[in-house]
Every structure is written in C-alpha cells, then in structure tokens.
PDB file of N, CA and C in Angstrom:
ATOM      1  N   MET A   1     -16.919  -9.385 -10.031  1.00  0.00           N
ATOM      2  CA  MET A   1     -16.643  -8.211 -10.835  1.00  0.00           C
ATOM      3  C   MET A   1     -15.394  -7.533 -10.294  1.00  0.00           C
ATOM      4  N   SER A   2     -14.469  -7.162 -11.152  1.00  0.00           N
ATOM      5  CA  SER A   2     -13.280  -6.443 -10.712  1.00  0.00           C
ATOM      6  C   SER A   2     -13.224  -5.096 -11.412  1.00  0.00           C
ATOM      7  N   TYR A   3     -12.588  -4.135 -10.752  1.00  0.00           N
ATOM      8  CA  TYR A   3     -12.366  -2.842 -11.383  1.00  0.00           C
ATOM      9  C   TYR A   3     -11.082  -2.238 -10.862  1.00  0.00           C
ATOM     10  N   ASN A   4     -10.422  -1.485 -11.717  1.00  0.00           N
ATOM     11  CA  ASN A   4      -9.182  -0.813 -11.358  1.00  0.00           C
ATOM     12  C   ASN A   4      -9.546   0.576 -10.865  1.00  0.00           C
ATOM     13  N   ILE A   5      -9.002   0.994  -9.720  1.00  0.00           N
ATOM     14  CA  ILE A   5      -9.362   2.290  -9.154  1.00  0.00           C
ATOM     15  C   ILE A   5      -8.639   3.444  -9.819  1.00  0.00           C
ATOM     16  N   SER A   6      -7.729   3.157 -10.737  1.00  0.00           N
ATOM     17  CA  SER A   6      -6.960   4.236 -11.343  1.00  0.00           C
ATOM     18  C   SER A   6      -7.826   5.016 -12.314  1.00  0.00           C
ATOM     19  N   CYS A   7      -7.809   6.326 -12.155  1.00  0.00           N
ATOM     20  CA  CYS A   7      -8.540   7.193 -13.065  1.00  0.00           C
ATOM     21  C   CYS A   7      -7.599   7.756 -14.122  1.00  0.00           C
ATOM     22  N   LEU A   8      -6.445   8.259 -13.672  1.00  0.00           N
ATOM     23  CA  LEU A   8      -5.530   8.913 -14.589  1.00  0.00           C
ATOM     24  C   LEU A   8      -4.281   8.089 -14.883  1.00  0.00           C
ATOM     25  N   SER A   9      -3.874   7.248 -13.964  1.00  0.00           N
ATOM     26  CA  SER A   9      -2.688   6.429 -14.195  1.00  0.00           C
ATOM     27  C   SER A   9      -2.876   5.079 -13.524  1.00  0.00           C
ATOM     28  N   ALA A  10      -2.052   4.142 -13.908  1.00  0.00           N
ATOM     29  CA  ALA A  10      -2.157   2.800 -13.344  1.00  0.00           C
ATOM     30  C   ALA A  10      -1.098   2.556 -12.278  1.00  0.00           C
ATOM     31  N   SER A  11      -0.456   3.630 -11.783  1.00  0.00           N
ATOM     32  CA  SER A  11       0.563   3.448 -10.754  1.00  0.00           C
ATOM     33  C   SER A  11       0.383   4.461  -9.632  1.00  0.00           C
ATOM     34  N   MET A  12       1.067   4.194  -8.528  1.00  0.00           N
ATOM     35  CA  MET A  12       1.056   5.083  -7.366  1.00  0.00           C
ATOM     36  C   MET A  12       2.448   5.051  -6.748  1.00  0.00           C
ATOM     37  N   ARG A  13       2.729   5.949  -5.823  1.00  0.00           N
ATOM     38  CA  ARG A  13       4.025   5.987  -5.158  1.00  0.00           C
ATOM     39  C   ARG A  13       3.987   5.080  -3.934  1.00  0.00           C
ATOM     40  N   GLY A  14       5.081   4.362  -3.685  1.00  0.00           N
ATOM     41  CA  GLY A  14       5.168   3.485  -2.532  1.00  0.00           C
ATOM     42  C   GLY A  14       6.605   3.325  -2.078  1.00  0.00           C
ATOM     43  N   VAL A  15       6.786   3.028  -0.789  1.00  0.00           N
ATOM     44  CA  VAL A  15       8.112   2.747  -0.240  1.00  0.00           C
ATOM     45  C   VAL A  15       8.322   1.239  -0.312  1.00  0.00           C
ATOM     46  N   VAL A  16       9.419   0.830  -0.926  1.00  0.00           N
ATOM     47  CA  VAL A  16       9.668  -0.584  -1.194  1.00  0.00           C
ATOM     48  C   VAL A  16      11.025  -1.005  -0.631  1.00  0.00           C
ATOM     49  N   TYR A  17      11.028  -2.159   0.035  1.00  0.00           N
ATOM     50  CA  TYR A  17      12.248  -2.794   0.537  1.00  0.00           C
ATOM     51  C   TYR A  17      12.546  -3.972  -0.377  1.00  0.00           C
ATOM     52  N   ASP A  18      13.745  -3.991  -0.976  1.00  0.00           N
ATOM     53  CA  ASP A  18      14.106  -5.042  -1.932  1.00  0.00           C
ATOM     54  C   ASP A  18      14.967  -6.149  -1.347  1.00  0.00           C
ATOM     55  N   GLY A  19      15.130  -6.183  -0.021  1.00  0.00           N
ATOM     56  CA  GLY A  19      15.900  -7.246   0.602  1.00  0.00           C
ATOM     57  C   GLY A  19      17.311  -6.856   0.989  1.00  0.00           C
ATOM     58  N   VAL A  20      17.712  -5.618   0.715  1.00  0.00           N
ATOM     59  CA  VAL A  20      19.041  -5.135   1.095  1.00  0.00           C
ATOM     60  C   VAL A  20      18.896  -4.331   2.383  1.00  0.00           C
ATOM     61  N   PRO A  21      19.493  -4.791   3.488  1.00  0.00           N
ATOM     62  CA  PRO A  21      19.358  -4.058   4.754  1.00  0.00           C
ATOM     63  C   PRO A  21      19.763  -2.589   4.623  1.00  0.00           C
ATOM     64  N   PHE A  22      19.023  -1.739   5.313  1.00  0.00           N
ATOM     65  CA  PHE A  22      19.253  -0.293   5.372  1.00  0.00           C
ATOM     66  C   PHE A  22      19.052   0.404   4.027  1.00  0.00           C
ATOM     67  N   ASP A  23      18.265  -0.187   3.140  1.00  0.00           N
ATOM     68  CA  ASP A  23      18.023   0.423   1.834  1.00  0.00           C
ATOM     69  C   ASP A  23      16.557   0.267   1.452  1.00  0.00           C
ATOM     70  N   MET A  24      15.868   1.398   1.318  1.00  0.00           N
ATOM     71  CA  MET A  24      14.492   1.423   0.838  1.00  0.00           C
ATOM     72  C   MET A  24      14.406   2.464  -0.259  1.00  0.00           C
ATOM     73  N   GLN A  25      13.420   2.317  -1.126  1.00  0.00           N
ATOM     74  CA  GLN A  25      13.245   3.251  -2.228  1.00  0.00           C
ATOM     75  C   GLN A  25      11.787   3.653  -2.338  1.00  0.00           C
ATOM     76  N   VAL A  26      11.572   4.909  -2.721  1.00  0.00           N
ATOM     77  CA  VAL A  26      10.236   5.376  -3.075  1.00  0.00           C
ATOM     78  C   VAL A  26      10.154   5.272  -4.589  1.00  0.00           C
ATOM     79  N   ARG A  27       9.155   4.526  -5.065  1.00  0.00           N
ATOM     80  CA  ARG A  27       9.035   4.370  -6.512  1.00  0.00           C
ATOM     81  C   ARG A  27       7.587   4.121  -6.911  1.00  0.00           C
ATOM     82  N   ASP A  28       7.350   4.142  -8.204  1.00  0.00           N
ATOM     83  CA  ASP A  28       6.020   3.874  -8.739  1.00  0.00           C
ATOM     84  C   ASP A  28       5.751   2.377  -8.679  1.00  0.00           C
ATOM     85  N   ILE A  29       4.571   2.032  -8.145  1.00  0.00           N
ATOM     86  CA  ILE A  29       4.132   0.643  -8.070  1.00  0.00           C
ATOM     87  C   ILE A  29       2.710   0.565  -8.625  1.00  0.00           C
ATOM     88  N   PRO A  30       2.257  -0.604  -9.067  1.00  0.00           N
ATOM     89  CA  PRO A  30       0.907  -0.719  -9.626  1.00  0.00           C
ATOM     90  C   PRO A  30      -0.173  -0.410  -8.582  1.00  0.00           C
ATOM     91  N   LYS A  31      -1.232   0.262  -9.019  1.00  0.00           N
ATOM     92  CA  LYS A  31      -2.387   0.465  -8.141  1.00  0.00           C
ATOM     93  C   LYS A  31      -3.109  -0.863  -7.961  1.00  0.00           C
ATOM     94  N   PRO A  32      -3.763  -1.054  -6.803  1.00  0.00           N
ATOM     95  CA  PRO A  32      -4.474  -2.320  -6.569  1.00  0.00           C
ATOM     96  C   PRO A  32      -5.717  -2.446  -7.444  1.00  0.00           C
ATOM     97  N   ILE A  33      -6.125  -3.666  -7.642  1.00  0.00           N
ATOM     98  CA  ILE A  33      -7.350  -3.958  -8.382  1.00  0.00           C
ATOM     99  C   ILE A  33      -8.298  -4.690  -7.439  1.00  0.00           C
ATOM    100  N   VAL A  34      -9.518  -4.213  -7.335  1.00  0.00           N
ATOM    101  CA  VAL A  34     -10.532  -4.851  -6.496  1.00  0.00           C
ATOM    102  C   VAL A  34     -11.041  -6.078  -7.240  1.00  0.00           C
ATOM    103  N   LEU A  35     -10.946  -7.231  -6.583  1.00  0.00           N
ATOM    104  CA  LEU A  35     -11.325  -8.484  -7.231  1.00  0.00           C
ATOM    105  C   LEU A  35     -12.663  -9.036  -6.770  1.00  0.00           C
ATOM    106  N   SER A  36     -13.173  -8.559  -5.616  1.00  0.00           N
ATOM    107  CA  SER A  36     -14.459  -9.066  -5.139  1.00  0.00           C
ATOM    108  C   SER A  36     -15.192  -7.970  -4.374  1.00  0.00           C
ATOM    109  N   GLU A  37     -16.462  -8.223  -4.102  1.00  0.00           N
ATOM    110  CA  GLU A  37     -17.285  -7.262  -3.369  1.00  0.00           C
ATOM    111  C   GLU A  37     -16.848  -7.121  -1.918  1.00  0.00           C
ATOM    112  N   ASN A  38     -16.058  -8.049  -1.399  1.00  0.00           N
ATOM    113  CA  ASN A  38     -15.617  -8.018  -0.005  1.00  0.00           C
ATOM    114  C   ASN A  38     -14.342  -7.210   0.204  1.00  0.00           C
ATOM    115  N   GLU A  39     -13.774  -6.634  -0.842  1.00  0.00           N
ATOM    116  CA  GLU A  39     -12.528  -5.884  -0.743  1.00  0.00           C
ATOM    117  C   GLU A  39     -12.793  -4.386  -0.763  1.00  0.00           C
ATOM    118  N   VAL A  40     -11.905  -3.648  -0.111  1.00  0.00           N
ATOM    119  CA  VAL A  40     -11.992  -2.188  -0.068  1.00  0.00           C
ATOM    120  C   VAL A  40     -10.628  -1.626  -0.439  1.00  0.00           C
ATOM    121  N   VAL A  41     -10.602  -0.636  -1.299  1.00  0.00           N
ATOM    122  CA  VAL A  41      -9.364   0.063  -1.627  1.00  0.00           C
ATOM    123  C   VAL A  41      -9.297   1.311  -0.767  1.00  0.00           C
ATOM    124  N   VAL A  42      -8.140   1.543  -0.142  1.00  0.00           N
ATOM    125  CA  VAL A  42      -7.940   2.731   0.685  1.00  0.00           C
ATOM    126  C   VAL A  42      -6.919   3.627   0.001  1.00  0.00           C
ATOM    127  N   ARG A  43      -7.300   4.876  -0.265  1.00  0.00           N
ATOM    128  CA  ARG A  43      -6.374   5.875  -0.788  1.00  0.00           C
ATOM    129  C   ARG A  43      -5.621   6.428   0.413  1.00  0.00           C
ATOM    130  N   VAL A  44      -4.404   5.970   0.626  1.00  0.00           N
ATOM    131  CA  VAL A  44      -3.622   6.328   1.812  1.00  0.00           C
ATOM    132  C   VAL A  44      -3.187   7.787   1.722  1.00  0.00           C
ATOM    133  N   THR A  45      -3.492   8.539   2.777  1.00  0.00           N
ATOM    134  CA  THR A  45      -3.060   9.935   2.854  1.00  0.00           C
ATOM    135  C   THR A  45      -1.877  10.104   3.786  1.00  0.00           C
ATOM    136  N   THR A  46      -1.746   9.213   4.773  1.00  0.00           N
ATOM    137  CA  THR A  46      -0.643   9.255   5.730  1.00  0.00           C
ATOM    138  C   THR A  46      -0.292   7.828   6.127  1.00  0.00           C
ATOM    139  N   ALA A  47       1.003   7.533   6.165  1.00  0.00           N
ATOM    140  CA  ALA A  47       1.460   6.216   6.614  1.00  0.00           C
ATOM    141  C   ALA A  47       2.657   6.404   7.528  1.00  0.00           C
ATOM    142  N   ALA A  48       2.840   5.465   8.428  1.00  0.00           N
ATOM    143  CA  ALA A  48       3.957   5.540   9.369  1.00  0.00           C
ATOM    144  C   ALA A  48       4.679   4.205   9.397  1.00  0.00           C
ATOM    145  N   ILE A  49       5.912   4.240   9.871  1.00  0.00           N
ATOM    146  CA  ILE A  49       6.630   2.998  10.096  1.00  0.00           C
ATOM    147  C   ILE A  49       6.659   2.736  11.594  1.00  0.00           C
ATOM    148  N   CYS A  50       6.767   1.483  11.963  1.00  0.00           N
ATOM    149  CA  CYS A  50       6.806   1.114  13.376  1.00  0.00           C
ATOM    150  C   CYS A  50       7.968   0.152  13.595  1.00  0.00           C
ATOM    151  N   GLY A  51       8.032  -0.441  14.763  1.00  0.00           N
ATOM    152  CA  GLY A  51       9.109  -1.359  15.092  1.00  0.00           C
ATOM    153  C   GLY A  51       9.211  -2.538  14.144  1.00  0.00           C
ATOM    154  N   SER A  52       8.079  -3.045  13.687  1.00  0.00           N
ATOM    155  CA  SER A  52       8.102  -4.159  12.727  1.00  0.00           C
ATOM    156  C   SER A  52       8.807  -3.753  11.440  1.00  0.00           C
ATOM    157  N   ASP A  53       8.523  -2.544  10.957  1.00  0.00           N
ATOM    158  CA  ASP A  53       9.179  -2.052   9.750  1.00  0.00           C
ATOM    159  C   ASP A  53      10.679  -1.886   9.966  1.00  0.00           C
ATOM    160  N   LEU A  54      11.075  -1.448  11.158  1.00  0.00           N
ATOM    161  CA  LEU A  54      12.501  -1.272  11.447  1.00  0.00           C
ATOM    162  C   LEU A  54      13.241  -2.604  11.446  1.00  0.00           C
ATOM    163  N   HIS A  55      12.590  -3.682  11.906  1.00  0.00           N
ATOM    164  CA  HIS A  55      13.213  -5.008  11.847  1.00  0.00           C
ATOM    165  C   HIS A  55      13.468  -5.414  10.392  1.00  0.00           C
ATOM    166  N   VAL A  56      12.494  -5.155   9.529  1.00  0.00           N
ATOM    167  CA  VAL A  56      12.661  -5.457   8.107  1.00  0.00           C
ATOM    168  C   VAL A  56      13.780  -4.594   7.531  1.00  0.00           C
ATOM    169  N   TYR A  57      13.755  -3.289   7.821  1.00  0.00           N
ATOM    170  CA  TYR A  57      14.755  -2.342   7.318  1.00  0.00           C
ATOM    171  C   TYR A  57      16.174  -2.764   7.695  1.00  0.00           C
ATOM    172  N   ARG A  58      16.329  -3.303   8.892  1.00  0.00           N
ATOM    173  CA  ARG A  58      17.655  -3.742   9.357  1.00  0.00           C
ATOM    174  C   ARG A  58      18.028  -5.135   8.854  1.00  0.00           C
ATOM    175  N   GLY A  59      17.092  -5.807   8.183  1.00  0.00           N
ATOM    176  CA  GLY A  59      17.375  -7.118   7.612  1.00  0.00           C
ATOM    177  C   GLY A  59      17.147  -8.275   8.558  1.00  0.00           C
ATOM    178  N   TYR A  60      16.445  -8.032   9.688  1.00  0.00           N
ATOM    179  CA  TYR A  60      16.228  -9.081  10.685  1.00  0.00           C
ATOM    180  C   TYR A  60      15.049  -9.988  10.365  1.00  0.00           C
ATOM    181  N   MET A  61      14.098  -9.515   9.590  1.00  0.00           N
ATOM    182  CA  MET A  61      12.927 -10.325   9.278  1.00  0.00           C
ATOM    183  C   MET A  61      12.337  -9.859   7.966  1.00  0.00           C
ATOM    184  N   GLY A  62      11.467 -10.653   7.423  1.00  0.00           N
ATOM    185  CA  GLY A  62      10.812 -10.279   6.182  1.00  0.00           C
ATOM    186  C   GLY A  62      10.467 -11.508   5.373  1.00  0.00           C
ATOM    187  N   GLY A  63       9.731 -11.271   4.337  1.00  0.00           N
ATOM    188  CA  GLY A  63       9.348 -12.351   3.443  1.00  0.00           C
ATOM    189  C   GLY A  63      10.179 -12.280   2.178  1.00  0.00           C
ATOM    190  N   ASN A  64       9.573 -12.677   1.093  1.00  0.00           N
ATOM    191  CA  ASN A  64      10.250 -12.609  -0.193  1.00  0.00           C
ATOM    192  C   ASN A  64      10.127 -11.197  -0.754  1.00  0.00           C
ATOM    193  N   PRO A  65      11.253 -10.501  -0.961  1.00  0.00           N
ATOM    194  CA  PRO A  65      11.197  -9.143  -1.501  1.00  0.00           C
ATOM    195  C   PRO A  65      10.653  -9.157  -2.926  1.00  0.00           C
ATOM    196  N   PRO A  66      10.121  -8.062  -3.413  1.00  0.00           N
ATOM    197  CA  PRO A  66      10.020  -6.756  -2.754  1.00  0.00           C
ATOM    198  C   PRO A  66       8.909  -6.724  -1.712  1.00  0.00           C
ATOM    199  N   TRP A  67       9.063  -5.847  -0.736  1.00  0.00           N
ATOM    200  CA  TRP A  67       8.159  -5.731   0.391  1.00  0.00           C
ATOM    201  C   TRP A  67       7.712  -4.273   0.485  1.00  0.00           C
ATOM    202  N   GLY A  68       6.404  -4.024   0.463  1.00  0.00           N
ATOM    203  CA  GLY A  68       5.876  -2.675   0.656  1.00  0.00           C
ATOM    204  C   GLY A  68       5.922  -2.300   2.118  1.00  0.00           C
ATOM    205  N   MET A  69       6.398  -1.111   2.424  1.00  0.00           N
ATOM    206  CA  MET A  69       6.574  -0.687   3.808  1.00  0.00           C
ATOM    207  C   MET A  69       5.466   0.280   4.228  1.00  0.00           C
ATOM    208  N   GLY A  70       5.346   0.477   5.552  1.00  0.00           N
ATOM    209  CA  GLY A  70       4.389   1.438   6.080  1.00  0.00           C
ATOM    210  C   GLY A  70       2.990   0.876   6.202  1.00  0.00           C
ATOM    211  N   HIS A  71       2.790  -0.132   7.052  1.00  0.00           N
ATOM    212  CA  HIS A  71       1.481  -0.788   7.154  1.00  0.00           C
ATOM    213  C   HIS A  71       0.519  -0.081   8.111  1.00  0.00           C
ATOM    214  N   GLU A  72       0.973   0.950   8.808  1.00  0.00           N
ATOM    215  CA  GLU A  72       0.080   1.716   9.684  1.00  0.00           C
ATOM    216  C   GLU A  72      -0.345   2.966   8.925  1.00  0.00           C
ATOM    217  N   ALA A  73      -1.576   2.958   8.451  1.00  0.00           N
ATOM    218  CA  ALA A  73      -1.995   4.012   7.532  1.00  0.00           C
ATOM    219  C   ALA A  73      -3.373   4.555   7.867  1.00  0.00           C
ATOM    220  N   ILE A  74      -3.631   5.738   7.367  1.00  0.00           N
ATOM    221  CA  ILE A  74      -4.957   6.343   7.416  1.00  0.00           C
ATOM    222  C   ILE A  74      -5.231   6.925   6.035  1.00  0.00           C
ATOM    223  N   GLY A  75      -6.468   6.870   5.630  1.00  0.00           N
ATOM    224  CA  GLY A  75      -6.793   7.380   4.311  1.00  0.00           C
ATOM    225  C   GLY A  75      -8.282   7.343   4.059  1.00  0.00           C
ATOM    226  N   LEU A  76      -8.627   7.396   2.799  1.00  0.00           N
ATOM    227  CA  LEU A  76     -10.015   7.387   2.371  1.00  0.00           C
ATOM    228  C   LEU A  76     -10.308   6.055   1.701  1.00  0.00           C
ATOM    229  N   GLY A  77     -11.374   5.399   2.140  1.00  0.00           N
ATOM    230  CA  GLY A  77     -11.750   4.110   1.581  1.00  0.00           C
ATOM    231  C   GLY A  77     -12.922   4.245   0.634  1.00  0.00           C
ATOM    232  N   LYS A  78     -12.940   3.395  -0.365  1.00  0.00           N
ATOM    233  CA  LYS A  78     -14.030   3.379  -1.339  1.00  0.00           C
ATOM    234  C   LYS A  78     -14.543   1.945  -1.430  1.00  0.00           C
ATOM    235  N   PRO A  79     -15.589   1.633  -0.638  1.00  0.00           N
ATOM    236  CA  PRO A  79     -16.098   0.260  -0.590  1.00  0.00           C
ATOM    237  C   PRO A  79     -16.624  -0.277  -1.918  1.00  0.00           C
ATOM    238  N   SER A  80     -17.106   0.600  -2.791  1.00  0.00           N
ATOM    239  CA  SER A  80     -17.588   0.137  -4.090  1.00  0.00           C
ATOM    240  C   SER A  80     -17.379   1.230  -5.123  1.00  0.00           C
ATOM    241  N   LEU A  81     -17.556   0.861  -6.363  1.00  0.00           N
ATOM    242  CA  LEU A  81     -17.326   1.792  -7.463  1.00  0.00           C
ATOM    243  C   LEU A  81     -18.213   3.029  -7.367  1.00  0.00           C
ATOM    244  N   LEU A  82     -19.444   2.864  -6.877  1.00  0.00           N
ATOM    245  CA  LEU A  82     -20.391   3.972  -6.848  1.00  0.00           C
ATOM    246  C   LEU A  82     -20.487   4.684  -5.508  1.00  0.00           C
ATOM    247  N   SER A  83     -19.869   4.154  -4.473  1.00  0.00           N
ATOM    248  CA  SER A  83     -19.984   4.774  -3.148  1.00  0.00           C
ATOM    249  C   SER A  83     -18.996   5.926  -2.999  1.00  0.00           C
ATOM    250  N   PRO A  84     -19.294   6.868  -2.078  1.00  0.00           N
ATOM    251  CA  PRO A  84     -18.356   7.968  -1.830  1.00  0.00           C
ATOM    252  C   PRO A  84     -17.155   7.486  -1.024  1.00  0.00           C
ATOM    253  N   TRP A  85     -16.079   8.274  -1.042  1.00  0.00           N
ATOM    254  CA  TRP A  85     -14.896   7.963  -0.233  1.00  0.00           C
ATOM    255  C   TRP A  85     -15.215   8.190   1.234  1.00  0.00           C
ATOM    256  N   GLU A  86     -14.757   7.297   2.127  1.00  0.00           N
ATOM    257  CA  GLU A  86     -14.976   7.393   3.567  1.00  0.00           C
ATOM    258  C   GLU A  86     -13.631   7.354   4.281  1.00  0.00           C
ATOM    259  N   ILE A  87     -13.519   8.062   5.431  1.00  0.00           N
ATOM    260  CA  ILE A  87     -12.285   8.052   6.212  1.00  0.00           C
ATOM    261  C   ILE A  87     -12.105   6.684   6.851  1.00  0.00           C
ATOM    262  N   MET A  88     -10.893   6.109   6.735  1.00  0.00           N
ATOM    263  CA  MET A  88     -10.593   4.792   7.297  1.00  0.00           C
ATOM    264  C   MET A  88      -9.206   4.807   7.904  1.00  0.00           C
ATOM    265  N   SER A  89      -8.992   3.928   8.903  1.00  0.00           N
ATOM    266  CA  SER A  89      -7.644   3.784   9.473  1.00  0.00           C
ATOM    267  C   SER A  89      -7.378   2.329   9.794  1.00  0.00           C
TER     268      SER A  89
END
C-alpha cells in the first residue's frame, strides 16, 4: 500500500545541487511517497550541511545530478498513515 503524505500540496522546499560547483538552489521538489510498510517519512524541521556536502558543493564528488543536500536532519516522523508524528533524527 502506498500513500502520499501531502495534505495541501504535492511539493516541498529543498536545497538542490545541479552539478555546477559552488551553485545550489532552494526550490520546490516533489514530496516523497511511502511505498511500503517498512518506510518512514520524516517532516524535516532542521537540516545541516557537513564536510561531505562541502565536497559536493565544490564539485569534488557526487553522483548524477540533481542531488538533494543536507543529509543531517532532525524532524518529525510518521511511521504510518494513522500514527502520530514522533521526533526523529
């Protein structure tokens, strides 16, 4: 069973690296869709960049762009459609 966590819109704000060194953009990106019972969606309230992100930002490493930045996050998780939001990091 899959469900989309979007209530009011199907997008969210995210920092994206498109493969150009020293250039990132904040833009609307699609909200995630839960595809199985083993997945959890986290509503990120705070995210940080670290040394790994700086390597990508400088163009030293990375995969196929676009690349979402800020993998160190804290927020509220919703393990299932009917469960309450829980603090996660």
